């Protein structure tokens, strides 16, 4: 199929945005949200297990980089004063939707039909 030749594949799996941290961002976010894992290494071990499980359950997992400035700006725009797990999940889901929309737009731009 031409879409596969151009690097696009049909992917009808449900999408899961997954908040992903680097060690520096993790520490900064943890200062503001103590509900997070106590340290980066513990979080990463758990996250890797969660990712594997979600993929085994049939999800297309999109890792969303959690950049503190972007995340807190997103929270302010939505009136979220004390973000926690629900806000992190909503942010990841929102960003994953944007990724999928961009992929679809790019795919349409290359469509021959």
PDB file of N, CA and C in Angstrom:
ATOM      1  N   UNK A   1       0.844  -1.177   0.000  1.00  0.00           N
ATOM      2  CA  UNK A   1       0.000   0.000   0.000  1.00  0.00           C
ATOM      3  C   UNK A   1       0.893   1.247   0.000  1.00  0.00           C
ATOM      4  N   UNK A   2       0.487   2.275  -0.708  1.00  0.00           N
ATOM      5  CA  UNK A   2       1.300   3.483  -0.858  1.00  0.00           C
ATOM      6  C   UNK A   2       1.574   4.169   0.475  1.00  0.00           C
ATOM      7  N   UNK A   3       0.617   4.141   1.404  1.00  0.00           N
ATOM      8  CA  UNK A   3       0.846   4.797   2.697  1.00  0.00           C
ATOM      9  C   UNK A   3       1.989   4.136   3.450  1.00  0.00           C
ATOM     10  N   UNK A   4       2.136   2.818   3.319  1.00  0.00           N
ATOM     11  CA  UNK A   4       3.229   2.125   3.992  1.00  0.00           C
ATOM     12  C   UNK A   4       4.562   2.443   3.327  1.00  0.00           C
ATOM     13  N   UNK A   5       4.556   2.634   2.029  1.00  0.00           N
ATOM     14  CA  UNK A   5       5.773   3.011   1.323  1.00  0.00           C
ATOM     15  C   UNK A   5       6.257   4.371   1.815  1.00  0.00           C
ATOM     16  N   UNK A   6       5.328   5.270   2.076  1.00  0.00           N
ATOM     17  CA  UNK A   6       5.682   6.606   2.548  1.00  0.00           C
ATOM     18  C   UNK A   6       5.954   6.643   4.045  1.00  0.00           C
ATOM     19  N   UNK A   7       5.855   5.516   4.706  1.00  0.00           N
ATOM     20  CA  UNK A   7       6.168   5.467   6.121  1.00  0.00           C
ATOM     21  C   UNK A   7       4.971   5.565   7.042  1.00  0.00           C
ATOM     22  N   UNK A   8       3.782   5.511   6.512  1.00  0.00           N
ATOM     23  CA  UNK A   8       2.577   5.569   7.325  1.00  0.00           C
ATOM     24  C   UNK A   8       1.951   4.187   7.375  1.00  0.00           C
ATOM     25  N   UNK A   9       1.480   3.818   8.518  1.00  0.00           N
ATOM     26  CA  UNK A   9       0.804   2.545   8.645  1.00  0.00           C
ATOM     27  C   UNK A   9      -0.556   2.780   9.276  1.00  0.00           C
ATOM     28  N   UNK A  10      -1.522   2.000   8.857  1.00  0.00           N
ATOM     29  CA  UNK A  10      -2.828   2.079   9.493  1.00  0.00           C
ATOM     30  C   UNK A  10      -2.679   1.573  10.912  1.00  0.00           C
ATOM     31  N   UNK A  11      -3.186   2.324  11.849  1.00  0.00           N
ATOM     32  CA  UNK A  11      -3.077   1.933  13.242  1.00  0.00           C
ATOM     33  C   UNK A  11      -4.384   2.302  13.917  1.00  0.00           C
ATOM     34  N   UNK A  12      -5.225   1.317  14.048  1.00  0.00           N
ATOM     35  CA  UNK A  12      -6.537   1.556  14.629  1.00  0.00           C
ATOM     36  C   UNK A  12      -6.600   1.207  16.106  1.00  0.00           C
ATOM     37  N   UNK A  13      -5.429   0.973  16.710  1.00  0.00           N
ATOM     38  CA  UNK A  13      -5.426   0.666  18.139  1.00  0.00           C
ATOM     39  C   UNK A  13      -5.833   1.903  18.932  1.00  0.00           C
ATOM     40  N   UNK A  14      -6.427   1.693  20.109  1.00  0.00           N
ATOM     41  CA  UNK A  14      -6.706   2.849  20.964  1.00  0.00           C
ATOM     42  C   UNK A  14      -5.381   3.490  21.387  1.00  0.00           C
ATOM     43  N   UNK A  15      -5.394   4.796  21.505  1.00  0.00           N
ATOM     44  CA  UNK A  15      -4.188   5.546  21.832  1.00  0.00           C
ATOM     45  C   UNK A  15      -4.167   5.874  23.320  1.00  0.00           C
ATOM     46  N   UNK A  16      -2.987   5.731  23.911  1.00  0.00           N
ATOM     47  CA  UNK A  16      -2.795   6.115  25.304  1.00  0.00           C
ATOM     48  C   UNK A  16      -1.614   7.072  25.373  1.00  0.00           C
ATOM     49  N   UNK A  17      -1.877   8.286  25.849  1.00  0.00           N
ATOM     50  CA  UNK A  17      -0.787   9.215  26.122  1.00  0.00           C
ATOM     51  C   UNK A  17      -0.183   8.844  27.468  1.00  0.00           C
ATOM     52  N   UNK A  18       1.124   8.737  27.523  1.00  0.00           N
ATOM     53  CA  UNK A  18       1.796   8.304  28.752  1.00  0.00           C
ATOM     54  C   UNK A  18       2.804   9.365  29.158  1.00  0.00           C
ATOM     55  N   UNK A  19       2.594   9.957  30.332  1.00  0.00           N
ATOM     56  CA  UNK A  19       3.505  10.991  30.829  1.00  0.00           C
ATOM     57  C   UNK A  19       4.893  10.401  31.022  1.00  0.00           C
ATOM     58  N   UNK A  20       5.886  11.026  30.399  1.00  0.00           N
ATOM     59  CA  UNK A  20       7.251  10.512  30.457  1.00  0.00           C
ATOM     60  C   UNK A  20       8.183  11.625  30.935  1.00  0.00           C
ATOM     61  N   UNK A  21       9.024  11.285  31.884  1.00  0.00           N
ATOM     62  CA  UNK A  21       9.893  12.271  32.524  1.00  0.00           C
ATOM     63  C   UNK A  21      11.355  11.965  32.257  1.00  0.00           C
ATOM     64  N   UNK A  22      12.169  13.009  32.209  1.00  0.00           N
ATOM     65  CA  UNK A  22      13.608  12.812  32.339  1.00  0.00           C
ATOM     66  C   UNK A  22      13.932  13.123  33.797  1.00  0.00           C
ATOM     67  N   UNK A  23      15.121  12.789  34.235  1.00  0.00           N
ATOM     68  CA  UNK A  23      15.422  12.905  35.667  1.00  0.00           C
ATOM     69  C   UNK A  23      15.335  14.343  36.174  1.00  0.00           C
ATOM     70  N   UNK A  24      15.775  15.305  35.391  1.00  0.00           N
ATOM     71  CA  UNK A  24      15.703  16.705  35.823  1.00  0.00           C
ATOM     72  C   UNK A  24      14.280  17.212  35.919  1.00  0.00           C
ATOM     73  N   UNK A  25      13.465  16.898  34.929  1.00  0.00           N
ATOM     74  CA  UNK A  25      12.060  17.314  34.955  1.00  0.00           C
ATOM     75  C   UNK A  25      11.308  16.620  36.074  1.00  0.00           C
ATOM     76  N   UNK A  26      11.629  15.368  36.309  1.00  0.00           N
ATOM     77  CA  UNK A  26      10.954  14.618  37.367  1.00  0.00           C
ATOM     78  C   UNK A  26      11.124  15.325  38.705  1.00  0.00           C
ATOM     79  N   UNK A  27      12.344  15.696  39.022  1.00  0.00           N
ATOM     80  CA  UNK A  27      12.601  16.342  40.311  1.00  0.00           C
ATOM     81  C   UNK A  27      11.858  17.668  40.432  1.00  0.00           C
ATOM     82  N   UNK A  28      11.848  18.446  39.367  1.00  0.00           N
ATOM     83  CA  UNK A  28      11.154  19.741  39.404  1.00  0.00           C
ATOM     84  C   UNK A  28       9.647  19.540  39.568  1.00  0.00           C
ATOM     85  N   UNK A  29       9.087  18.588  38.844  1.00  0.00           N
ATOM     86  CA  UNK A  29       7.654  18.316  38.957  1.00  0.00           C
ATOM     87  C   UNK A  29       7.310  17.741  40.326  1.00  0.00           C
ATOM     88  N   UNK A  30       8.158  16.895  40.846  1.00  0.00           N
ATOM     89  CA  UNK A  30       7.899  16.266  42.148  1.00  0.00           C
ATOM     90  C   UNK A  30       7.852  17.300  43.264  1.00  0.00           C
ATOM     91  N   UNK A  31       8.637  18.359  43.146  1.00  0.00           N
ATOM     92  CA  UNK A  31       8.599  19.430  44.146  1.00  0.00           C
ATOM     93  C   UNK A  31       7.202  20.032  44.241  1.00  0.00           C
ATOM     94  N   UNK A  32       6.517  20.135  43.112  1.00  0.00           N
ATOM     95  CA  UNK A  32       5.181  20.737  43.082  1.00  0.00           C
ATOM     96  C   UNK A  32       4.071  19.713  43.275  1.00  0.00           C
ATOM     97  N   UNK A  33       4.371  18.436  43.059  1.00  0.00           N
ATOM     98  CA  UNK A  33       3.344  17.390  43.136  1.00  0.00           C
ATOM     99  C   UNK A  33       3.876  16.190  43.918  1.00  0.00           C
ATOM    100  N   UNK A  34       3.732  16.227  45.222  1.00  0.00           N
ATOM    101  CA  UNK A  34       4.294  15.155  46.048  1.00  0.00           C
ATOM    102  C   UNK A  34       3.603  13.801  45.884  1.00  0.00           C
ATOM    103  N   UNK A  35       2.532  13.742  45.094  1.00  0.00           N
ATOM    104  CA  UNK A  35       1.874  12.446  44.873  1.00  0.00           C
ATOM    105  C   UNK A  35       2.648  11.561  43.897  1.00  0.00           C
ATOM    106  N   UNK A  36       3.705  12.106  43.302  1.00  0.00           N
ATOM    107  CA  UNK A  36       4.515  11.325  42.368  1.00  0.00           C
ATOM    108  C   UNK A  36       5.395  10.346  43.141  1.00  0.00           C
ATOM    109  N   UNK A  37       5.954   9.379  42.435  1.00  0.00           N
ATOM    110  CA  UNK A  37       6.901   8.440  43.046  1.00  0.00           C
ATOM    111  C   UNK A  37       7.987   9.221  43.775  1.00  0.00           C
ATOM    112  N   UNK A  38       8.573   8.591  44.769  1.00  0.00           N
ATOM    113  CA  UNK A  38       9.562   9.303  45.581  1.00  0.00           C
ATOM    114  C   UNK A  38      10.837   9.642  44.831  1.00  0.00           C
ATOM    115  N   UNK A  39      11.223   8.804  43.875  1.00  0.00           N
ATOM    116  CA  UNK A  39      12.430   9.121  43.114  1.00  0.00           C
ATOM    117  C   UNK A  39      12.281   8.638  41.672  1.00  0.00           C
ATOM    118  N   UNK A  40      13.139   9.179  40.842  1.00  0.00           N
ATOM    119  CA  UNK A  40      13.074   8.921  39.407  1.00  0.00           C
ATOM    120  C   UNK A  40      13.247   7.443  39.074  1.00  0.00           C
ATOM    121  N   UNK A  41      14.190   6.782  39.719  1.00  0.00           N
ATOM    122  CA  UNK A  41      14.448   5.376  39.407  1.00  0.00           C
ATOM    123  C   UNK A  41      13.239   4.496  39.712  1.00  0.00           C
ATOM    124  N   UNK A  42      12.575   4.752  40.844  1.00  0.00           N
ATOM    125  CA  UNK A  42      11.360   3.994  41.178  1.00  0.00           C
ATOM    126  C   UNK A  42      10.272   4.248  40.142  1.00  0.00           C
ATOM    127  N   UNK A  43      10.112   5.528  39.766  1.00  0.00           N
ATOM    128  CA  UNK A  43       9.093   5.859  38.765  1.00  0.00           C
ATOM    129  C   UNK A  43       9.394   5.128  37.456  1.00  0.00           C
ATOM    130  N   UNK A  44      10.644   5.186  37.011  1.00  0.00           N
ATOM    131  CA  UNK A  44      11.002   4.600  35.715  1.00  0.00           C
ATOM    132  C   UNK A  44      10.742   3.096  35.683  1.00  0.00           C
ATOM    133  N   UNK A  45      11.079   2.398  36.755  1.00  0.00           N
ATOM    134  CA  UNK A  45      10.807   0.952  36.808  1.00  0.00           C
ATOM    135  C   UNK A  45       9.313   0.669  36.678  1.00  0.00           C
ATOM    136  N   UNK A  46       8.513   1.406  37.424  1.00  0.00           N
ATOM    137  CA  UNK A  46       7.063   1.226  37.346  1.00  0.00           C
ATOM    138  C   UNK A  46       6.513   1.610  35.987  1.00  0.00           C
ATOM    139  N   UNK A  47       7.037   2.695  35.424  1.00  0.00           N
ATOM    140  CA  UNK A  47       6.562   3.166  34.124  1.00  0.00           C
ATOM    141  C   UNK A  47       6.850   2.148  33.030  1.00  0.00           C
ATOM    142  N   UNK A  48       8.016   1.543  33.071  1.00  0.00           N
ATOM    143  CA  UNK A  48       8.355   0.549  32.053  1.00  0.00           C
ATOM    144  C   UNK A  48       7.408  -0.648  32.120  1.00  0.00           C
ATOM    145  N   UNK A  49       7.050  -1.053  33.319  1.00  0.00           N
ATOM    146  CA  UNK A  49       6.085  -2.149  33.478  1.00  0.00           C
ATOM    147  C   UNK A  49       4.713  -1.737  32.956  1.00  0.00           C
ATOM    148  N   UNK A  50       4.294  -0.516  33.305  1.00  0.00           N
ATOM    149  CA  UNK A  50       2.983  -0.029  32.857  1.00  0.00           C
ATOM    150  C   UNK A  50       2.917   0.087  31.335  1.00  0.00           C
ATOM    151  N   UNK A  51       3.994   0.570  30.723  1.00  0.00           N
ATOM    152  CA  UNK A  51       4.040   0.676  29.258  1.00  0.00           C
ATOM    153  C   UNK A  51       3.908  -0.691  28.605  1.00  0.00           C
ATOM    154  N   UNK A  52       4.666  -1.630  29.096  1.00  0.00           N
ATOM    155  CA  UNK A  52       4.628  -2.978  28.530  1.00  0.00           C
ATOM    156  C   UNK A  52       3.233  -3.579  28.653  1.00  0.00           C
ATOM    157  N   UNK A  53       2.610  -3.401  29.810  1.00  0.00           N
ATOM    158  CA  UNK A  53       1.263  -3.931  30.030  1.00  0.00           C
ATOM    159  C   UNK A  53       0.262  -3.289  29.066  1.00  0.00           C
ATOM    160  N   UNK A  54       0.325  -1.968  28.926  1.00  0.00           N
ATOM    161  CA  UNK A  54      -0.600  -1.269  28.031  1.00  0.00           C
ATOM    162  C   UNK A  54      -0.429  -1.744  26.592  1.00  0.00           C
ATOM    163  N   UNK A  55       0.802  -1.922  26.170  1.00  0.00           N
ATOM    164  CA  UNK A  55       1.046  -2.399  24.808  1.00  0.00           C
ATOM    165  C   UNK A  55       0.540  -3.825  24.625  1.00  0.00           C
ATOM    166  N   UNK A  56       0.714  -4.666  25.636  1.00  0.00           N
ATOM    167  CA  UNK A  56       0.206  -6.035  25.566  1.00  0.00           C
ATOM    168  C   UNK A  56      -1.319  -6.055  25.518  1.00  0.00           C
ATOM    169  N   UNK A  57      -1.948  -5.051  26.121  1.00  0.00           N
ATOM    170  CA  UNK A  57      -3.409  -4.958  26.101  1.00  0.00           C
ATOM    171  C   UNK A  57      -3.927  -4.357  24.801  1.00  0.00           C
ATOM    172  N   UNK A  58      -3.022  -3.995  23.896  1.00  0.00           N
ATOM    173  CA  UNK A  58      -3.434  -3.530  22.578  1.00  0.00           C
ATOM    174  C   UNK A  58      -3.414  -2.031  22.371  1.00  0.00           C
ATOM    175  N   UNK A  59      -2.891  -1.283  23.320  1.00  0.00           N
ATOM    176  CA  UNK A  59      -2.830   0.169  23.165  1.00  0.00           C
ATOM    177  C   UNK A  59      -1.622   0.584  22.339  1.00  0.00           C
ATOM    178  N   UNK A  60      -1.797   1.655  21.615  1.00  0.00           N
ATOM    179  CA  UNK A  60      -0.665   2.351  21.009  1.00  0.00           C
ATOM    180  C   UNK A  60      -0.269   3.414  22.033  1.00  0.00           C
ATOM    181  N   UNK A  61       0.869   3.236  22.640  1.00  0.00           N
ATOM    182  CA  UNK A  61       1.302   4.145  23.697  1.00  0.00           C
ATOM    183  C   UNK A  61       2.196   5.223  23.098  1.00  0.00           C
ATOM    184  N   UNK A  62       1.843   6.468  23.360  1.00  0.00           N
ATOM    185  CA  UNK A  62       2.651   7.602  22.922  1.00  0.00           C
ATOM    186  C   UNK A  62       3.243   8.240  24.170  1.00  0.00           C
ATOM    187  N   UNK A  63       4.562   8.215  24.252  1.00  0.00           N
ATOM    188  CA  UNK A  63       5.234   8.840  25.395  1.00  0.00           C
ATOM    189  C   UNK A  63       5.212  10.352  25.215  1.00  0.00           C
ATOM    190  N   UNK A  64       4.709  11.025  26.228  1.00  0.00           N
ATOM    191  CA  UNK A  64       4.616  12.481  26.196  1.00  0.00           C
ATOM    192  C   UNK A  64       5.643  13.058  27.158  1.00  0.00           C
ATOM    193  N   UNK A  65       6.578  13.820  26.622  1.00  0.00           N
ATOM    194  CA  UNK A  65       7.604  14.445  27.463  1.00  0.00           C
ATOM    195  C   UNK A  65       6.943  15.454  28.396  1.00  0.00           C
ATOM    196  N   UNK A  66       7.170  15.268  29.668  1.00  0.00           N
ATOM    197  CA  UNK A  66       6.598  16.167  30.673  1.00  0.00           C
ATOM    198  C   UNK A  66       7.607  17.268  30.973  1.00  0.00           C
ATOM    199  N   UNK A  67       7.462  18.360  30.255  1.00  0.00           N
ATOM    200  CA  UNK A  67       8.317  19.523  30.489  1.00  0.00           C
ATOM    201  C   UNK A  67       7.581  20.422  31.471  1.00  0.00           C
ATOM    202  N   UNK A  68       8.194  20.719  32.611  1.00  0.00           N
ATOM    203  CA  UNK A  68       7.487  21.455  33.661  1.00  0.00           C
ATOM    204  C   UNK A  68       6.828  22.748  33.185  1.00  0.00           C
ATOM    205  N   UNK A  69       7.545  23.580  32.437  1.00  0.00           N
ATOM    206  CA  UNK A  69       6.967  24.855  32.009  1.00  0.00           C
ATOM    207  C   UNK A  69       5.727  24.645  31.145  1.00  0.00           C
ATOM    208  N   UNK A  70       5.802  23.713  30.206  1.00  0.00           N
ATOM    209  CA  UNK A  70       4.654  23.435  29.337  1.00  0.00           C
ATOM    210  C   UNK A  70       3.481  22.868  30.134  1.00  0.00           C
ATOM    211  N   UNK A  71       3.772  21.934  31.021  1.00  0.00           N
ATOM    212  CA  UNK A  71       2.717  21.306  31.813  1.00  0.00           C
ATOM    213  C   UNK A  71       2.026  22.322  32.719  1.00  0.00           C
ATOM    214  N   UNK A  72       2.800  23.134  33.434  1.00  0.00           N
ATOM    215  CA  UNK A  72       2.185  24.094  34.352  1.00  0.00           C
ATOM    216  C   UNK A  72       1.428  25.188  33.595  1.00  0.00           C
ATOM    217  N   UNK A  73       1.905  25.567  32.407  1.00  0.00           N
ATOM    218  CA  UNK A  73       1.157  26.526  31.581  1.00  0.00           C
ATOM    219  C   UNK A  73      -0.172  25.915  31.147  1.00  0.00           C
ATOM    220  N   UNK A  74      -0.153  24.656  30.752  1.00  0.00           N
ATOM    221  CA  UNK A  74      -1.369  23.942  30.359  1.00  0.00           C
ATOM    222  C   UNK A  74      -2.351  23.923  31.530  1.00  0.00           C
ATOM    223  N   UNK A  75      -1.839  23.652  32.729  1.00  0.00           N
ATOM    224  CA  UNK A  75      -2.697  23.629  33.925  1.00  0.00           C
ATOM    225  C   UNK A  75      -3.308  25.005  34.184  1.00  0.00           C
ATOM    226  N   UNK A  76      -2.493  26.059  34.090  1.00  0.00           N
ATOM    227  CA  UNK A  76      -3.009  27.419  34.328  1.00  0.00           C
ATOM    228  C   UNK A  76      -4.113  27.760  33.335  1.00  0.00           C
ATOM    229  N   UNK A  77      -3.934  27.389  32.070  1.00  0.00           N
ATOM    230  CA  UNK A  77      -4.944  27.673  31.045  1.00  0.00           C
ATOM    231  C   UNK A  77      -6.276  27.008  31.359  1.00  0.00           C
ATOM    232  N   UNK A  78      -6.241  25.941  32.117  1.00  0.00           N
ATOM    233  CA  UNK A  78      -7.456  25.191  32.450  1.00  0.00           C
ATOM    234  C   UNK A  78      -7.920  25.416  33.881  1.00  0.00           C
ATOM    235  N   UNK A  79      -7.278  26.342  34.562  1.00  0.00           N
ATOM    236  CA  UNK A  79      -7.672  26.661  35.925  1.00  0.00           C
ATOM    237  C   UNK A  79      -7.345  25.577  36.935  1.00  0.00           C
ATOM    238  N   UNK A  80      -6.347  24.774  36.651  1.00  0.00           N
ATOM    239  CA  UNK A  80      -5.944  23.710  37.568  1.00  0.00           C
ATOM    240  C   UNK A  80      -4.870  24.285  38.483  1.00  0.00           C
ATOM    241  N   UNK A  81      -5.246  24.552  39.729  1.00  0.00           N
ATOM    242  CA  UNK A  81      -4.335  25.202  40.660  1.00  0.00           C
ATOM    243  C   UNK A  81      -3.397  24.262  41.378  1.00  0.00           C
ATOM    244  N   UNK A  82      -3.849  23.065  41.659  1.00  0.00           N
ATOM    245  CA  UNK A  82      -3.032  22.084  42.383  1.00  0.00           C
ATOM    246  C   UNK A  82      -3.030  20.781  41.589  1.00  0.00           C
ATOM    247  N   UNK A  83      -2.201  20.717  40.545  1.00  0.00           N
ATOM    248  CA  UNK A  83      -2.225  19.529  39.688  1.00  0.00           C
ATOM    249  C   UNK A  83      -1.719  18.284  40.405  1.00  0.00           C
ATOM    250  N   UNK A  84      -2.249  17.170  39.976  1.00  0.00           N
ATOM    251  CA  UNK A  84      -1.841  15.875  40.503  1.00  0.00           C
ATOM    252  C   UNK A  84      -1.930  14.840  39.402  1.00  0.00           C
ATOM    253  N   UNK A  85      -2.180  13.610  39.791  1.00  0.00           N
ATOM    254  CA  UNK A  85      -2.219  12.496  38.844  1.00  0.00           C
ATOM    255  C   UNK A  85      -3.242  12.723  37.729  1.00  0.00           C
ATOM    256  N   UNK A  86      -4.435  13.175  38.083  1.00  0.00           N
ATOM    257  CA  UNK A  86      -5.473  13.380  37.062  1.00  0.00           C
ATOM    258  C   UNK A  86      -5.028  14.414  36.029  1.00  0.00           C
ATOM    259  N   UNK A  87      -4.385  15.485  36.477  1.00  0.00           N
ATOM    260  CA  UNK A  87      -3.917  16.516  35.546  1.00  0.00           C
ATOM    261  C   UNK A  87      -2.798  15.980  34.658  1.00  0.00           C
ATOM    262  N   UNK A  88      -1.889  15.203  35.222  1.00  0.00           N
ATOM    263  CA  UNK A  88      -0.807  14.633  34.407  1.00  0.00           C
ATOM    264  C   UNK A  88      -1.368  13.695  33.348  1.00  0.00           C
ATOM    265  N   UNK A  89      -2.336  12.890  33.732  1.00  0.00           N
ATOM    266  CA  UNK A  89      -2.956  11.985  32.753  1.00  0.00           C
ATOM    267  C   UNK A  89      -3.707  12.761  31.676  1.00  0.00           C
ATOM    268  N   UNK A  90      -4.427  13.807  32.079  1.00  0.00           N
ATOM    269  CA  UNK A  90      -5.179  14.610  31.106  1.00  0.00           C
ATOM    270  C   UNK A  90      -4.225  15.320  30.148  1.00  0.00           C
ATOM    271  N   UNK A  91      -3.132  15.843  30.669  1.00  0.00           N
ATOM    272  CA  UNK A  91      -2.132  16.500  29.823  1.00  0.00           C
ATOM    273  C   UNK A  91      -1.566  15.513  28.804  1.00  0.00           C
ATOM    274  N   UNK A  92      -1.188  14.332  29.271  1.00  0.00           N
ATOM    275  CA  UNK A  92      -0.630  13.318  28.371  1.00  0.00           C
ATOM    276  C   UNK A  92      -1.647  12.921  27.300  1.00  0.00           C
ATOM    277  N   UNK A  93      -2.902  12.760  27.694  1.00  0.00           N
ATOM    278  CA  UNK A  93      -3.951  12.405  26.727  1.00  0.00           C
ATOM    279  C   UNK A  93      -4.144  13.525  25.711  1.00  0.00           C
ATOM    280  N   UNK A  94      -4.158  14.765  26.186  1.00  0.00           N
ATOM    281  CA  UNK A  94      -4.337  15.920  25.311  1.00  0.00           C
ATOM    282  C   UNK A  94      -3.190  16.016  24.303  1.00  0.00           C
ATOM    283  N   UNK A  95      -1.977  15.849  24.777  1.00  0.00           N
ATOM    284  CA  UNK A  95      -0.819  15.921  23.889  1.00  0.00           C
ATOM    285  C   UNK A  95      -0.793  14.759  22.900  1.00  0.00           C
ATOM    286  N   UNK A  96      -1.208  13.577  23.333  1.00  0.00           N
ATOM    287  CA  UNK A  96      -1.269  12.423  22.424  1.00  0.00           C
ATOM    288  C   UNK A  96      -2.283  12.679  21.311  1.00  0.00           C
ATOM    289  N   UNK A  97      -3.402  13.312  21.650  1.00  0.00           N
ATOM    290  CA  UNK A  97      -4.390  13.665  20.614  1.00  0.00           C
ATOM    291  C   UNK A  97      -3.762  14.584  19.568  1.00  0.00           C
ATOM    292  N   UNK A  98      -2.963  15.535  20.020  1.00  0.00           N
ATOM    293  CA  UNK A  98      -2.307  16.444  19.083  1.00  0.00           C
ATOM    294  C   UNK A  98      -1.326  15.700  18.177  1.00  0.00           C
ATOM    295  N   UNK A  99      -0.621  14.734  18.725  1.00  0.00           N
ATOM    296  CA  UNK A  99       0.307  13.922  17.928  1.00  0.00           C
ATOM    297  C   UNK A  99      -0.460  13.165  16.847  1.00  0.00           C
ATOM    298  N   UNK A 100      -1.555  12.533  17.226  1.00  0.00           N
ATOM    299  CA  UNK A 100      -2.355  11.756  16.274  1.00  0.00           C
ATOM    300  C   UNK A 100      -2.943  12.673  15.204  1.00  0.00           C
ATOM    301  N   UNK A 101      -3.429  13.847  15.598  1.00  0.00           N
ATOM    302  CA  UNK A 101      -3.969  14.797  14.620  1.00  0.00           C
ATOM    303  C   UNK A 101      -2.890  15.216  13.624  1.00  0.00           C
ATOM    304  N   UNK A 102      -1.691  15.474  14.110  1.00  0.00           N
ATOM    305  CA  UNK A 102      -0.588  15.864  13.222  1.00  0.00           C
ATOM    306  C   UNK A 102      -0.234  14.731  12.267  1.00  0.00           C
ATOM    307  N   UNK A 103      -0.239  13.510  12.768  1.00  0.00           N
ATOM    308  CA  UNK A 103       0.043  12.359  11.903  1.00  0.00           C
ATOM    309  C   UNK A 103      -1.016  12.232  10.817  1.00  0.00           C
ATOM    310  N   UNK A 104      -2.262  12.411  11.186  1.00  0.00           N
ATOM    311  CA  UNK A 104      -3.345  12.303  10.196  1.00  0.00           C
ATOM    312  C   UNK A 104      -3.252  13.402   9.151  1.00  0.00           C
ATOM    313  N   UNK A 105      -2.902  14.608   9.577  1.00  0.00           N
ATOM    314  CA  UNK A 105      -2.754  15.715   8.632  1.00  0.00           C
ATOM    315  C   UNK A 105      -1.625  15.434   7.653  1.00  0.00           C
ATOM    316  N   UNK A 106      -0.523  14.924   8.185  1.00  0.00           N
ATOM    317  CA  UNK A 106       0.622  14.595   7.341  1.00  0.00           C
ATOM    318  C   UNK A 106       0.257  13.484   6.371  1.00  0.00           C
ATOM    319  N   UNK A 107      -0.493  12.517   6.856  1.00  0.00           N
ATOM    320  CA  UNK A 107      -0.901  11.392   6.015  1.00  0.00           C
ATOM    321  C   UNK A 107      -1.792  11.884   4.876  1.00  0.00           C
ATOM    322  N   UNK A 108      -2.724  12.798   5.176  1.00  0.00           N
ATOM    323  CA  UNK A 108      -3.605  13.339   4.135  1.00  0.00           C
ATOM    324  C   UNK A 108      -2.816  14.123   3.101  1.00  0.00           C
ATOM    325  N   UNK A 109      -1.779  14.817   3.532  1.00  0.00           N
ATOM    326  CA  UNK A 109      -0.974  15.614   2.612  1.00  0.00           C
ATOM    327  C   UNK A 109      -0.272  14.735   1.583  1.00  0.00           C
ATOM    328  N   UNK A 110       0.003  13.482   1.937  1.00  0.00           N
ATOM    329  CA  UNK A 110       0.685  12.575   1.031  1.00  0.00           C
ATOM    330  C   UNK A 110      -0.259  11.600   0.342  1.00  0.00           C
ATOM    331  N   UNK A 111      -1.533  11.728   0.563  1.00  0.00           N
ATOM    332  CA  UNK A 111      -2.489  10.785  -0.005  1.00  0.00           C
ATOM    333  C   UNK A 111      -2.628  11.013  -1.510  1.00  0.00           C
ATOM    334  N   UNK A 112      -2.649   9.926  -2.239  1.00  0.00           N
ATOM    335  CA  UNK A 112      -2.846  10.007  -3.680  1.00  0.00           C
ATOM    336  C   UNK A 112      -4.287   9.717  -4.066  1.00  0.00           C
ATOM    337  N   UNK A 113      -5.126   9.415  -3.080  1.00  0.00           N
ATOM    338  CA  UNK A 113      -6.510   9.043  -3.367  1.00  0.00           C
ATOM    339  C   UNK A 113      -7.472   9.960  -2.678  1.00  0.00           C
TER     340      UNK A 113
END
